[in-house]
Amino acid sequence: MRTVIWVAVAIVLVLAALTYGRALLAPTEPAAVRELTVHGFEYDFDPKELTVHRGETVRLLVRNTGTIEHDLTIPDWDAATPLLSPGEEAILEFQPTRSGTFRFLCTVPGHNELGMNGTIRVE
């Protein structure tokens, strides 16, 4: 009788190990990345409003389609592109951790004041 119990316990342990091992080895789907593009030009961004979701990875392609240098800075997240010459582009990748509305702007002197700014709404 003891042998039957030990065999039953062994079978249960083997089945549990196989099930747990399969769960560990199962491929996980890569997290979705939201890709957005913002064009910067004299003295505006297009689009001026972006909506993303909290926790998702966002890849923001910033293109300078203007005739002078621009950048894009998100002050609340300490995120910024380098200064971009006409025709250049850069990628900002971030993952918002809290909901709210956050400003982005061009930090070239005078550009923000002329309207080169926008908002990112995190839902």
PDB file of N, CA and C in Angstrom:
ATOM      1  N   MET A   1       0.829  -1.193   0.000  1.00  0.00           N
ATOM      2  CA  MET A   1       0.000   0.000   0.000  1.00  0.00           C
ATOM      3  C   MET A   1       0.875   1.260   0.000  1.00  0.00           C
ATOM      4  N   ARG A   2       1.973   1.225   0.798  1.00  0.00           N
ATOM      5  CA  ARG A   2       2.869   2.379   0.820  1.00  0.00           C
ATOM      6  C   ARG A   2       3.491   2.623  -0.551  1.00  0.00           C
ATOM      7  N   THR A   3       3.826   1.588  -1.246  1.00  0.00           N
ATOM      8  CA  THR A   3       4.417   1.721  -2.573  1.00  0.00           C
ATOM      9  C   THR A   3       3.448   2.400  -3.530  1.00  0.00           C
ATOM     10  N   VAL A   4       2.186   2.056  -3.453  1.00  0.00           N
ATOM     11  CA  VAL A   4       1.170   2.657  -4.317  1.00  0.00           C
ATOM     12  C   VAL A   4       1.048   4.148  -4.021  1.00  0.00           C
ATOM     13  N   ILE A   5       1.091   4.517  -2.758  1.00  0.00           N
ATOM     14  CA  ILE A   5       0.997   5.936  -2.374  1.00  0.00           C
ATOM     15  C   ILE A   5       2.203   6.697  -2.906  1.00  0.00           C
ATOM     16  N   TRP A   6       3.412   6.138  -2.746  1.00  0.00           N
ATOM     17  CA  TRP A   6       4.618   6.815  -3.215  1.00  0.00           C
ATOM     18  C   TRP A   6       4.636   6.930  -4.742  1.00  0.00           C
ATOM     19  N   VAL A   7       4.157   5.942  -5.422  1.00  0.00           N
ATOM     20  CA  VAL A   7       4.073   6.010  -6.883  1.00  0.00           C
ATOM     21  C   VAL A   7       3.080   7.095  -7.289  1.00  0.00           C
ATOM     22  N   ALA A   8       1.946   7.169  -6.607  1.00  0.00           N
ATOM     23  CA  ALA A   8       0.943   8.196  -6.906  1.00  0.00           C
ATOM     24  C   ALA A   8       1.516   9.591  -6.655  1.00  0.00           C
ATOM     25  N   VAL A   9       2.241   9.770  -5.539  1.00  0.00           N
ATOM     26  CA  VAL A   9       2.868  11.064  -5.222  1.00  0.00           C
ATOM     27  C   VAL A   9       3.894  11.413  -6.294  1.00  0.00           C
ATOM     28  N   ALA A  10       4.686  10.435  -6.698  1.00  0.00           N
ATOM     29  CA  ALA A  10       5.697  10.672  -7.727  1.00  0.00           C
ATOM     30  C   ALA A  10       5.055  11.096  -9.045  1.00  0.00           C
ATOM     31  N   ILE A  11       3.968  10.448  -9.420  1.00  0.00           N
ATOM     32  CA  ILE A  11       3.274  10.801 -10.664  1.00  0.00           C
ATOM     33  C   ILE A  11       2.733  12.227 -10.590  1.00  0.00           C
ATOM     34  N   VAL A  12       2.143  12.585  -9.460  1.00  0.00           N
ATOM     35  CA  VAL A  12       1.613  13.942  -9.281  1.00  0.00           C
ATOM     36  C   VAL A  12       2.743  14.968  -9.380  1.00  0.00           C
ATOM     37  N   LEU A  13       3.879  14.690  -8.747  1.00  0.00           N
ATOM     38  CA  LEU A  13       5.013  15.619  -8.797  1.00  0.00           C
ATOM     39  C   LEU A  13       5.554  15.768 -10.219  1.00  0.00           C
ATOM     40  N   VAL A  14       5.656  14.679 -10.947  1.00  0.00           N
ATOM     41  CA  VAL A  14       6.142  14.740 -12.327  1.00  0.00           C
ATOM     42  C   VAL A  14       5.181  15.552 -13.192  1.00  0.00           C
ATOM     43  N   LEU A  15       3.890  15.311 -13.050  1.00  0.00           N
ATOM     44  CA  LEU A  15       2.905  16.070 -13.826  1.00  0.00           C
ATOM     45  C   LEU A  15       2.951  17.561 -13.482  1.00  0.00           C
ATOM     46  N   ALA A  16       3.101  17.870 -12.192  1.00  0.00           N
ATOM     47  CA  ALA A  16       3.191  19.272 -11.771  1.00  0.00           C
ATOM     48  C   ALA A  16       4.440  19.922 -12.365  1.00  0.00           C
ATOM     49  N   ALA A  17       5.560  19.206 -12.341  1.00  0.00           N
ATOM     50  CA  ALA A  17       6.803  19.746 -12.893  1.00  0.00           C
ATOM     51  C   ALA A  17       6.678  19.987 -14.393  1.00  0.00           C
ATOM     52  N   LEU A  18       6.062  19.062 -15.097  1.00  0.00           N
ATOM     53  CA  LEU A  18       5.877  19.237 -16.541  1.00  0.00           C
ATOM     54  C   LEU A  18       4.984  20.432 -16.850  1.00  0.00           C
ATOM     55  N   THR A  19       3.908  20.578 -16.103  1.00  0.00           N
ATOM     56  CA  THR A  19       2.991  21.699 -16.319  1.00  0.00           C
ATOM     57  C   THR A  19       3.683  23.022 -16.010  1.00  0.00           C
ATOM     58  N   TYR A  20       4.381  23.105 -14.890  1.00  0.00           N
ATOM     59  CA  TYR A  20       5.076  24.333 -14.488  1.00  0.00           C
ATOM     60  C   TYR A  20       6.188  24.655 -15.483  1.00  0.00           C
ATOM     61  N   GLY A  21       6.940  23.636 -15.880  1.00  0.00           N
ATOM     62  CA  GLY A  21       8.025  23.840 -16.836  1.00  0.00           C
ATOM     63  C   GLY A  21       7.520  24.339 -18.174  1.00  0.00           C
ATOM     64  N   ARG A  22       6.404  23.807 -18.631  1.00  0.00           N
ATOM     65  CA  ARG A  22       5.819  24.250 -19.895  1.00  0.00           C
ATOM     66  C   ARG A  22       5.407  25.718 -19.799  1.00  0.00           C
ATOM     67  N   ALA A  23       4.863  26.124 -18.654  1.00  0.00           N
ATOM     68  CA  ALA A  23       4.462  27.522 -18.468  1.00  0.00           C
ATOM     69  C   ALA A  23       5.682  28.435 -18.501  1.00  0.00           C
ATOM     70  N   LEU A  24       6.792  27.988 -17.929  1.00  0.00           N
ATOM     71  CA  LEU A  24       8.001  28.805 -17.934  1.00  0.00           C
ATOM     72  C   LEU A  24       8.597  28.934 -19.330  1.00  0.00           C
ATOM     73  N   LEU A  25       8.489  27.886 -20.121  1.00  0.00           N
ATOM     74  CA  LEU A  25       9.089  27.877 -21.445  1.00  0.00           C
ATOM     75  C   LEU A  25       8.176  28.428 -22.529  1.00  0.00           C
ATOM     76  N   ALA A  26       6.921  28.668 -22.202  1.00  0.00           N
ATOM     77  CA  ALA A  26       5.975  29.168 -23.205  1.00  0.00           C
ATOM     78  C   ALA A  26       6.430  30.536 -23.695  1.00  0.00           C
ATOM     79  N   PRO A  27       6.406  30.751 -24.999  1.00  0.00           N
ATOM     80  CA  PRO A  27       6.828  32.055 -25.510  1.00  0.00           C
ATOM     81  C   PRO A  27       5.845  33.134 -25.071  1.00  0.00           C
ATOM     82  N   THR A  28       6.391  34.279 -24.722  1.00  0.00           N
ATOM     83  CA  THR A  28       5.539  35.403 -24.341  1.00  0.00           C
ATOM     84  C   THR A  28       5.468  36.355 -25.522  1.00  0.00           C
ATOM     85  N   GLU A  29       4.341  36.982 -25.674  1.00  0.00           N
ATOM     86  CA  GLU A  29       4.186  37.926 -26.767  1.00  0.00           C
ATOM     87  C   GLU A  29       4.900  39.219 -26.408  1.00  0.00           C
ATOM     88  N   PRO A  30       5.625  39.792 -27.358  1.00  0.00           N
ATOM     89  CA  PRO A  30       6.294  41.051 -27.061  1.00  0.00           C
ATOM     90  C   PRO A  30       5.259  42.143 -26.805  1.00  0.00           C
ATOM     91  N   ALA A  31       5.631  43.058 -25.919  1.00  0.00           N
ATOM     92  CA  ALA A  31       4.724  44.155 -25.603  1.00  0.00           C
ATOM     93  C   ALA A  31       4.513  45.005 -26.857  1.00  0.00           C
ATOM     94  N   ALA A  32       3.299  45.454 -27.041  1.00  0.00           N
ATOM     95  CA  ALA A  32       2.994  46.296 -28.193  1.00  0.00           C
ATOM     96  C   ALA A  32       3.681  47.646 -28.039  1.00  0.00           C
ATOM     97  N   VAL A  33       4.151  48.165 -29.138  1.00  0.00           N
ATOM     98  CA  VAL A  33       4.785  49.478 -29.153  1.00  0.00           C
ATOM     99  C   VAL A  33       3.922  50.384 -30.019  1.00  0.00           C
ATOM    100  N   ARG A  34       3.524  51.509 -29.454  1.00  0.00           N
ATOM    101  CA  ARG A  34       2.746  52.487 -30.228  1.00  0.00           C
ATOM    102  C   ARG A  34       3.746  53.422 -30.903  1.00  0.00           C
ATOM    103  N   GLU A  35       3.679  53.478 -32.221  1.00  0.00           N
ATOM    104  CA  GLU A  35       4.582  54.342 -32.978  1.00  0.00           C
ATOM    105  C   GLU A  35       3.813  55.555 -33.482  1.00  0.00           C
ATOM    106  N   LEU A  36       4.337  56.724 -33.145  1.00  0.00           N
ATOM    107  CA  LEU A  36       3.716  57.986 -33.542  1.00  0.00           C
ATOM    108  C   LEU A  36       4.769  58.861 -34.205  1.00  0.00           C
ATOM    109  N   THR A  37       4.331  59.765 -35.071  1.00  0.00           N
ATOM    110  CA  THR A  37       5.241  60.699 -35.734  1.00  0.00           C
ATOM    111  C   THR A  37       4.762  62.120 -35.483  1.00  0.00           C
ATOM    112  N   VAL A  38       5.715  62.993 -35.156  1.00  0.00           N
ATOM    113  CA  VAL A  38       5.432  64.418 -34.990  1.00  0.00           C
ATOM    114  C   VAL A  38       6.375  65.178 -35.919  1.00  0.00           C
ATOM    115  N   HIS A  39       5.819  66.103 -36.691  1.00  0.00           N
ATOM    116  CA  HIS A  39       6.612  66.960 -37.569  1.00  0.00           C
ATOM    117  C   HIS A  39       6.784  68.310 -36.882  1.00  0.00           C
ATOM    118  N   GLY A  40       8.009  68.803 -36.849  1.00  0.00           N
ATOM    119  CA  GLY A  40       8.291  70.123 -36.303  1.00  0.00           C
ATOM    120  C   GLY A  40       8.709  71.053 -37.430  1.00  0.00           C
ATOM    121  N   PHE A  41       8.136  72.249 -37.445  1.00  0.00           N
ATOM    122  CA  PHE A  41       8.452  73.238 -38.478  1.00  0.00           C
ATOM    123  C   PHE A  41       8.155  74.608 -37.896  1.00  0.00           C
ATOM    124  N   GLU A  42       8.386  75.657 -38.658  1.00  0.00           N
ATOM    125  CA  GLU A  42       8.232  77.009 -38.145  1.00  0.00           C
ATOM    126  C   GLU A  42       6.769  77.352 -37.886  1.00  0.00           C
ATOM    127  N   TYR A  43       6.368  77.684 -36.802  1.00  0.00           N
ATOM    128  CA  TYR A  43       6.732  77.466 -35.406  1.00  0.00           C
ATOM    129  C   TYR A  43       5.624  76.647 -34.814  1.00  0.00           C
ATOM    130  N   ASP A  44       5.591  75.391 -35.192  1.00  0.00           N
ATOM    131  CA  ASP A  44       4.465  74.532 -34.843  1.00  0.00           C
ATOM    132  C   ASP A  44       4.899  73.070 -34.840  1.00  0.00           C
ATOM    133  N   PHE A  45       4.059  72.239 -34.244  1.00  0.00           N
ATOM    134  CA  PHE A  45       4.183  70.788 -34.328  1.00  0.00           C
ATOM    135  C   PHE A  45       2.901  70.252 -34.946  1.00  0.00           C
ATOM    136  N   ASP A  46       3.030  69.173 -35.704  1.00  0.00           N
ATOM    137  CA  ASP A  46       1.859  68.504 -36.270  1.00  0.00           C
ATOM    138  C   ASP A  46       2.032  67.005 -36.084  1.00  0.00           C
ATOM    139  N   PRO A  47       1.145  66.394 -35.299  1.00  0.00           N
ATOM    140  CA  PRO A  47       0.001  66.970 -34.588  1.00  0.00           C
ATOM    141  C   PRO A  47       0.447  67.679 -33.306  1.00  0.00           C
ATOM    142  N   LYS A  48      -0.429  68.525 -32.795  1.00  0.00           N
ATOM    143  CA  LYS A  48      -0.164  69.239 -31.542  1.00  0.00           C
ATOM    144  C   LYS A  48      -0.664  68.470 -30.326  1.00  0.00           C
ATOM    145  N   GLU A  49      -1.520  67.483 -30.553  1.00  0.00           N
ATOM    146  CA  GLU A  49      -2.071  66.691 -29.445  1.00  0.00           C
ATOM    147  C   GLU A  49      -1.887  65.208 -29.744  1.00  0.00           C
ATOM    148  N   LEU A  50      -1.361  64.488 -28.754  1.00  0.00           N
ATOM    149  CA  LEU A  50      -1.177  63.041 -28.856  1.00  0.00           C
ATOM    150  C   LEU A  50      -1.905  62.382 -27.695  1.00  0.00           C
ATOM    151  N   THR A  51      -2.439  61.198 -27.916  1.00  0.00           N
ATOM    152  CA  THR A  51      -3.069  60.431 -26.840  1.00  0.00           C
ATOM    153  C   THR A  51      -2.420  59.059 -26.795  1.00  0.00           C
ATOM    154  N   VAL A  52      -1.958  58.679 -25.603  1.00  0.00           N
ATOM    155  CA  VAL A  52      -1.340  57.368 -25.390  1.00  0.00           C
ATOM    156  C   VAL A  52      -1.931  56.766 -24.122  1.00  0.00           C
ATOM    157  N   HIS A  53      -1.561  55.521 -23.845  1.00  0.00           N
ATOM    158  CA  HIS A  53      -2.080  54.843 -22.664  1.00  0.00           C
ATOM    159  C   HIS A  53      -0.972  54.611 -21.648  1.00  0.00           C
ATOM    160  N   ARG A  54      -1.340  54.749 -20.401  1.00  0.00           N
ATOM    161  CA  ARG A  54      -0.404  54.530 -19.303  1.00  0.00           C
ATOM    162  C   ARG A  54       0.143  53.105 -19.392  1.00  0.00           C
ATOM    163  N   GLY A  55       1.464  52.979 -19.271  1.00  0.00           N
ATOM    164  CA  GLY A  55       2.109  51.676 -19.257  1.00  0.00           C
ATOM    165  C   GLY A  55       2.523  51.148 -20.614  1.00  0.00           C
ATOM    166  N   GLU A  56       2.001  51.724 -21.702  1.00  0.00           N
ATOM    167  CA  GLU A  56       2.406  51.225 -23.017  1.00  0.00           C
ATOM    168  C   GLU A  56       3.722  51.877 -23.433  1.00  0.00           C
ATOM    169  N   THR A  57       4.476  51.173 -24.249  1.00  0.00           N
ATOM    170  CA  THR A  57       5.711  51.734 -24.776  1.00  0.00           C
ATOM    171  C   THR A  57       5.364  52.585 -25.989  1.00  0.00           C
ATOM    172  N   VAL A  58       5.876  53.807 -25.993  1.00  0.00           N
ATOM    173  CA  VAL A  58       5.613  54.743 -27.084  1.00  0.00           C
ATOM    174  C   VAL A  58       6.940  55.065 -27.765  1.00  0.00           C
ATOM    175  N   ARG A  59       6.955  54.914 -29.079  1.00  0.00           N
ATOM    176  CA  ARG A  59       8.120  55.299 -29.878  1.00  0.00           C
ATOM    177  C   ARG A  59       7.686  56.489 -30.725  1.00  0.00           C
ATOM    178  N   LEU A  60       8.249  57.658 -30.385  1.00  0.00           N
ATOM    179  CA  LEU A  60       7.861  58.903 -31.037  1.00  0.00           C
ATOM    180  C   LEU A  60       8.950  59.317 -32.022  1.00  0.00           C
ATOM    181  N   LEU A  61       8.617  59.292 -33.306  1.00  0.00           N
ATOM    182  CA  LEU A  61       9.534  59.750 -34.343  1.00  0.00           C
ATOM    183  C   LEU A  61       9.311  61.246 -34.524  1.00  0.00           C
ATOM    184  N   VAL A  62      10.360  62.022 -34.322  1.00  0.00           N
ATOM    185  CA  VAL A  62      10.274  63.480 -34.446  1.00  0.00           C
ATOM    186  C   VAL A  62      11.053  63.877 -35.697  1.00  0.00           C
ATOM    187  N   ARG A  63      10.365  64.510 -36.648  1.00  0.00           N
ATOM    188  CA  ARG A  63      10.989  64.935 -37.905  1.00  0.00           C
ATOM    189  C   ARG A  63      10.990  66.456 -37.991  1.00  0.00           C
ATOM    190  N   ASN A  64      12.145  67.022 -38.301  1.00  0.00           N
ATOM    191  CA  ASN A  64      12.215  68.455 -38.549  1.00  0.00           C
ATOM    192  C   ASN A  64      11.934  68.667 -40.034  1.00  0.00           C
ATOM    193  N   THR A  65      10.726  69.109 -40.333  1.00  0.00           N
ATOM    194  CA  THR A  65      10.351  69.383 -41.722  1.00  0.00           C
ATOM    195  C   THR A  65      10.398  70.882 -42.021  1.00  0.00           C
ATOM    196  N   GLY A  66      11.017  71.625 -41.113  1.00  0.00           N
ATOM    197  CA  GLY A  66      11.141  73.066 -41.289  1.00  0.00           C
ATOM    198  C   GLY A  66      12.434  73.443 -41.993  1.00  0.00           C
ATOM    199  N   THR A  67      12.752  74.732 -41.922  1.00  0.00           N
ATOM    200  CA  THR A  67      13.948  75.247 -42.593  1.00  0.00           C
ATOM    201  C   THR A  67      15.013  75.721 -41.616  1.00  0.00           C
ATOM    202  N   ILE A  68      14.719  75.635 -40.312  1.00  0.00           N
ATOM    203  CA  ILE A  68      15.702  75.984 -39.286  1.00  0.00           C
ATOM    204  C   ILE A  68      15.713  74.883 -38.222  1.00  0.00           C
ATOM    205  N   GLU A  69      16.646  74.952 -37.283  1.00  0.00           N
ATOM    206  CA  GLU A  69      16.774  73.911 -36.256  1.00  0.00           C
ATOM    207  C   GLU A  69      15.608  73.929 -35.273  1.00  0.00           C
ATOM    208  N   HIS A  70      15.219  72.726 -34.835  1.00  0.00           N
ATOM    209  CA  HIS A  70      14.176  72.547 -33.828  1.00  0.00           C
ATOM    210  C   HIS A  70      14.535  71.340 -32.966  1.00  0.00           C
ATOM    211  N   ASP A  71      13.868  71.227 -31.832  1.00  0.00           N
ATOM    212  CA  ASP A  71      13.943  70.019 -31.011  1.00  0.00           C
ATOM    213  C   ASP A  71      12.552  69.765 -30.442  1.00  0.00           C
ATOM    214  N   LEU A  72      12.418  68.658 -29.722  1.00  0.00           N
ATOM    215  CA  LEU A  72      11.167  68.369 -29.015  1.00  0.00           C
ATOM    216  C   LEU A  72      11.554  67.888 -27.629  1.00  0.00           C
ATOM    217  N   THR A  73      11.039  68.583 -26.622  1.00  0.00           N
ATOM    218  CA  THR A  73      11.343  68.279 -25.227  1.00  0.00           C
ATOM    219  C   THR A  73      10.044  68.048 -24.466  1.00  0.00           C
ATOM    220  N   ILE A  74      10.050  67.018 -23.603  1.00  0.00           N
ATOM    221  CA  ILE A  74       8.922  66.753 -22.698  1.00  0.00           C
ATOM    222  C   ILE A  74       9.461  66.984 -21.286  1.00  0.00           C
ATOM    223  N   PRO A  75       9.304  68.200 -20.747  1.00  0.00           N
ATOM    224  CA  PRO A  75       9.941  68.550 -19.476  1.00  0.00           C
ATOM    225  C   PRO A  75       9.587  67.634 -18.306  1.00  0.00           C
ATOM    226  N   ASP A  76       8.325  67.224 -18.190  1.00  0.00           N
ATOM    227  CA  ASP A  76       7.917  66.397 -17.048  1.00  0.00           C
ATOM    228  C   ASP A  76       8.574  65.025 -17.042  1.00  0.00           C
ATOM    229  N   TRP A  77       9.076  64.581 -18.172  1.00  0.00           N
ATOM    230  CA  TRP A  77       9.669  63.242 -18.269  1.00  0.00           C
ATOM    231  C   TRP A  77      11.172  63.297 -18.515  1.00  0.00           C
ATOM    232  N   ASP A  78      11.757  64.500 -18.498  1.00  0.00           N
ATOM    233  CA  ASP A  78      13.185  64.650 -18.796  1.00  0.00           C
ATOM    234  C   ASP A  78      13.552  63.940 -20.093  1.00  0.00           C
ATOM    235  N   ALA A  79      12.710  64.090 -21.101  1.00  0.00           N
ATOM    236  CA  ALA A  79      12.938  63.459 -22.400  1.00  0.00           C
ATOM    237  C   ALA A  79      13.092  64.554 -23.446  1.00  0.00           C
ATOM    238  N   ALA A  80      14.074  64.400 -24.316  1.00  0.00           N
ATOM    239  CA  ALA A  80      14.297  65.413 -25.341  1.00  0.00           C
ATOM    240  C   ALA A  80      15.073  64.825 -26.513  1.00  0.00           C
ATOM    241  N   THR A  81      14.776  65.339 -27.690  1.00  0.00           N
ATOM    242  CA  THR A  81      15.604  65.013 -28.845  1.00  0.00           C
ATOM    243  C   THR A  81      16.802  65.953 -28.825  1.00  0.00           C
ATOM    244  N   PRO A  82      17.833  65.622 -29.565  1.00  0.00           N
ATOM    245  CA  PRO A  82      18.880  66.623 -29.772  1.00  0.00           C
ATOM    246  C   PRO A  82      18.335  67.717 -30.687  1.00  0.00           C
ATOM    247  N   LEU A  83      19.076  68.776 -30.835  1.00  0.00           N
ATOM    248  CA  LEU A  83      18.713  69.821 -31.780  1.00  0.00           C
ATOM    249  C   LEU A  83      18.780  69.218 -33.186  1.00  0.00           C
ATOM    250  N   LEU A  84      17.688  69.327 -33.933  1.00  0.00           N
ATOM    251  CA  LEU A  84      17.599  68.700 -35.255  1.00  0.00           C
ATOM    252  C   LEU A  84      17.701  69.751 -36.354  1.00  0.00           C
ATOM    253  N   SER A  85      18.619  69.535 -37.271  1.00  0.00           N
ATOM    254  CA  SER A  85      18.726  70.397 -38.448  1.00  0.00           C
ATOM    255  C   SER A  85      17.583  70.071 -39.403  1.00  0.00           C
ATOM    256  N   PRO A  86      17.285  70.955 -40.351  1.00  0.00           N
ATOM    257  CA  PRO A  86      16.236  70.667 -41.324  1.00  0.00           C
ATOM    258  C   PRO A  86      16.468  69.307 -41.998  1.00  0.00           C
ATOM    259  N   GLY A  87      15.401  68.499 -42.045  1.00  0.00           N
ATOM    260  CA  GLY A  87      15.483  67.177 -42.657  1.00  0.00           C
ATOM    261  C   GLY A  87      15.908  66.063 -41.721  1.00  0.00           C
ATOM    262  N   GLU A  88      16.408  66.395 -40.547  1.00  0.00           N
ATOM    263  CA  GLU A  88      16.836  65.359 -39.602  1.00  0.00           C
ATOM    264  C   GLU A  88      15.653  64.841 -38.796  1.00  0.00           C
ATOM    265  N   GLU A  89      15.845  63.666 -38.206  1.00  0.00           N
ATOM    266  CA  GLU A  89      14.817  63.083 -37.349  1.00  0.00           C
ATOM    267  C   GLU A  89      15.480  62.361 -36.186  1.00  0.00           C
ATOM    268  N   ALA A  90      14.705  62.151 -35.134  1.00  0.00           N
ATOM    269  CA  ALA A  90      15.180  61.436 -33.943  1.00  0.00           C
ATOM    270  C   ALA A  90      14.003  60.676 -33.354  1.00  0.00           C
ATOM    271  N   ILE A  91      14.324  59.676 -32.557  1.00  0.00           N
ATOM    272  CA  ILE A  91      13.285  58.869 -31.914  1.00  0.00           C
ATOM    273  C   ILE A  91      13.372  59.045 -30.407  1.00  0.00           C
ATOM    274  N   LEU A  92      12.226  59.330 -29.800  1.00  0.00           N
ATOM    275  CA  LEU A  92      12.087  59.327 -28.340  1.00  0.00           C
ATOM    276  C   LEU A  92      11.258  58.108 -27.992  1.00  0.00           C
ATOM    277  N   GLU A  93      11.753  57.284 -27.080  1.00  0.00           N
ATOM    278  CA  GLU A  93      10.978  56.125 -26.644  1.00  0.00           C
ATOM    279  C   GLU A  93      10.737  56.271 -25.152  1.00  0.00           C
ATOM    280  N   PHE A  94       9.491  56.099 -24.738  1.00  0.00           N
ATOM    281  CA  PHE A  94       9.139  56.270 -23.331  1.00  0.00           C
ATOM    282  C   PHE A  94       7.950  55.399 -22.990  1.00  0.00           C
ATOM    283  N   GLN A  95       7.730  55.258 -21.693  1.00  0.00           N
ATOM    284  CA  GLN A  95       6.608  54.461 -21.188  1.00  0.00           C
ATOM    285  C   GLN A  95       5.955  55.263 -20.063  1.00  0.00           C
ATOM    286  N   PRO A  96       4.854  55.966 -20.352  1.00  0.00           N
ATOM    287  CA  PRO A  96       4.213  56.793 -19.332  1.00  0.00           C
ATOM    288  C   PRO A  96       3.731  55.949 -18.150  1.00  0.00           C
ATOM    289  N   THR A  97       4.014  56.428 -16.949  1.00  0.00           N
ATOM    290  CA  THR A  97       3.640  55.676 -15.745  1.00  0.00           C
ATOM    291  C   THR A  97       2.460  56.284 -15.005  1.00  0.00           C
ATOM    292  N   ARG A  98       2.057  57.496 -15.398  1.00  0.00           N
ATOM    293  CA  ARG A  98       0.894  58.092 -14.725  1.00  0.00           C
ATOM    294  C   ARG A  98       0.027  58.823 -15.747  1.00  0.00           C
ATOM    295  N   SER A  99      -1.252  58.856 -15.441  1.00  0.00           N
ATOM    296  CA  SER A  99      -2.212  59.528 -16.322  1.00  0.00           C
ATOM    297  C   SER A  99      -2.104  61.034 -16.152  1.00  0.00           C
ATOM    298  N   GLY A 100      -2.549  61.750 -17.163  1.00  0.00           N
ATOM    299  CA  GLY A 100      -2.541  63.204 -17.091  1.00  0.00           C
ATOM    300  C   GLY A 100      -2.251  63.807 -18.448  1.00  0.00           C
ATOM    301  N   THR A 101      -2.086  65.118 -18.463  1.00  0.00           N
ATOM    302  CA  THR A 101      -1.750  65.845 -19.681  1.00  0.00           C
ATOM    303  C   THR A 101      -0.383  66.472 -19.486  1.00  0.00           C
ATOM    304  N   PHE A 102       0.505  66.240 -20.444  1.00  0.00           N
ATOM    305  CA  PHE A 102       1.893  66.673 -20.333  1.00  0.00           C
ATOM    306  C   PHE A 102       2.265  67.477 -21.574  1.00  0.00           C
ATOM    307  N   ARG A 103       3.015  68.557 -21.358  1.00  0.00           N
ATOM    308  CA  ARG A 103       3.408  69.444 -22.455  1.00  0.00           C
ATOM    309  C   ARG A 103       4.661  68.940 -23.144  1.00  0.00           C
ATOM    310  N   PHE A 104       4.728  69.191 -24.443  1.00  0.00           N
ATOM    311  CA  PHE A 104       5.995  69.086 -25.157  1.00  0.00           C
ATOM    312  C   PHE A 104       6.211  70.405 -25.883  1.00  0.00           C
ATOM    313  N   LEU A 105       7.461  70.744 -26.145  1.00  0.00           N
ATOM    314  CA  LEU A 105       7.769  72.044 -26.728  1.00  0.00           C
ATOM    315  C   LEU A 105       9.124  72.021 -27.409  1.00  0.00           C
ATOM    316  N   CYS A 106       9.357  73.044 -28.214  1.00  0.00           N
ATOM    317  CA  CYS A 106      10.667  73.276 -28.805  1.00  0.00           C
ATOM    318  C   CYS A 106      11.391  74.258 -27.894  1.00  0.00           C
ATOM    319  N   THR A 107      12.631  73.916 -27.514  1.00  0.00           N
ATOM    320  CA  THR A 107      13.366  74.765 -26.572  1.00  0.00           C
ATOM    321  C   THR A 107      14.275  75.780 -27.262  1.00  0.00           C
ATOM    322  N   VAL A 108      14.245  75.845 -28.590  1.00  0.00           N
ATOM    323  CA  VAL A 108      15.011  76.885 -29.278  1.00  0.00           C
ATOM    324  C   VAL A 108      14.415  78.222 -28.834  1.00  0.00           C
ATOM    325  N   PRO A 109      15.254  79.179 -28.408  1.00  0.00           N
ATOM    326  CA  PRO A 109      14.730  80.443 -27.885  1.00  0.00           C
ATOM    327  C   PRO A 109      13.679  81.077 -28.808  1.00  0.00           C
ATOM    328  N   GLY A 110      12.524  81.381 -28.204  1.00  0.00           N
ATOM    329  CA  GLY A 110      11.431  82.051 -28.895  1.00  0.00           C
ATOM    330  C   GLY A 110      10.427  81.123 -29.561  1.00  0.00           C
ATOM    331  N   HIS A 111      10.800  79.878 -29.840  1.00  0.00           N
ATOM    332  CA  HIS A 111       9.894  78.989 -30.574  1.00  0.00           C
ATOM    333  C   HIS A 111       8.664  78.600 -29.752  1.00  0.00           C
ATOM    334  N   ASN A 112       8.845  78.262 -28.481  1.00  0.00           N
ATOM    335  CA  ASN A 112       7.701  77.916 -27.631  1.00  0.00           C
ATOM    336  C   ASN A 112       6.728  79.096 -27.550  1.00  0.00           C
ATOM    337  N   GLU A 113       7.273  80.287 -27.374  1.00  0.00           N
ATOM    338  CA  GLU A 113       6.439  81.482 -27.254  1.00  0.00           C
ATOM    339  C   GLU A 113       5.657  81.761 -28.544  1.00  0.00           C
ATOM    340  N   LEU A 114       6.186  81.319 -29.673  1.00  0.00           N
ATOM    341  CA  LEU A 114       5.505  81.508 -30.956  1.00  0.00           C
ATOM    342  C   LEU A 114       4.502  80.394 -31.255  1.00  0.00           C
ATOM    343  N   GLY A 115       4.346  79.451 -30.307  1.00  0.00           N
ATOM    344  CA  GLY A 115       3.330  78.410 -30.458  1.00  0.00           C
ATOM    345  C   GLY A 115       3.858  77.027 -30.775  1.00  0.00           C
ATOM    346  N   MET A 116       5.175  76.841 -30.706  1.00  0.00           N
ATOM    347  CA  MET A 116       5.739  75.531 -31.026  1.00  0.00           C
ATOM    348  C   MET A 116       5.714  74.658 -29.779  1.00  0.00           C
ATOM    349  N   ASN A 117       4.515  74.161 -29.480  1.00  0.00           N
ATOM    350  CA  ASN A 117       4.302  73.305 -28.316  1.00  0.00           C
ATOM    351  C   ASN A 117       3.055  72.466 -28.554  1.00  0.00           C
ATOM    352  N   GLY A 118       2.853  71.496 -27.682  1.00  0.00           N
ATOM    353  CA  GLY A 118       1.680  70.639 -27.793  1.00  0.00           C
ATOM    354  C   GLY A 118       1.494  69.853 -26.514  1.00  0.00           C
ATOM    355  N   THR A 119       0.578  68.886 -26.539  1.00  0.00           N
ATOM    356  CA  THR A 119       0.292  68.100 -25.338  1.00  0.00           C
ATOM    357  C   THR A 119       0.229  66.611 -25.659  1.00  0.00           C
ATOM    358  N   ILE A 120       0.595  65.839 -24.650  1.00  0.00           N
ATOM    359  CA  ILE A 120       0.436  64.387 -24.684  1.00  0.00           C
ATOM    360  C   ILE A 120      -0.533  64.038 -23.572  1.00  0.00           C
ATOM    361  N   ARG A 121      -1.657  63.449 -23.939  1.00  0.00           N
ATOM    362  CA  ARG A 121      -2.636  63.014 -22.940  1.00  0.00           C
ATOM    363  C   ARG A 121      -2.421  61.528 -22.689  1.00  0.00           C
ATOM    364  N   VAL A 122      -2.201  61.200 -21.424  1.00  0.00           N
ATOM    365  CA  VAL A 122      -2.000  59.807 -21.028  1.00  0.00           C
ATOM    366  C   VAL A 122      -3.263  59.342 -20.320  1.00  0.00           C
ATOM    367  N   GLU A 123      -3.913  58.323 -20.877  1.00  0.00           N
ATOM    368  CA  GLU A 123      -5.167  57.804 -20.304  1.00  0.00           C
ATOM    369  C   GLU A 123      -4.894  56.573 -19.475  1.00  0.00           C
TER     370      GLU A 123
END
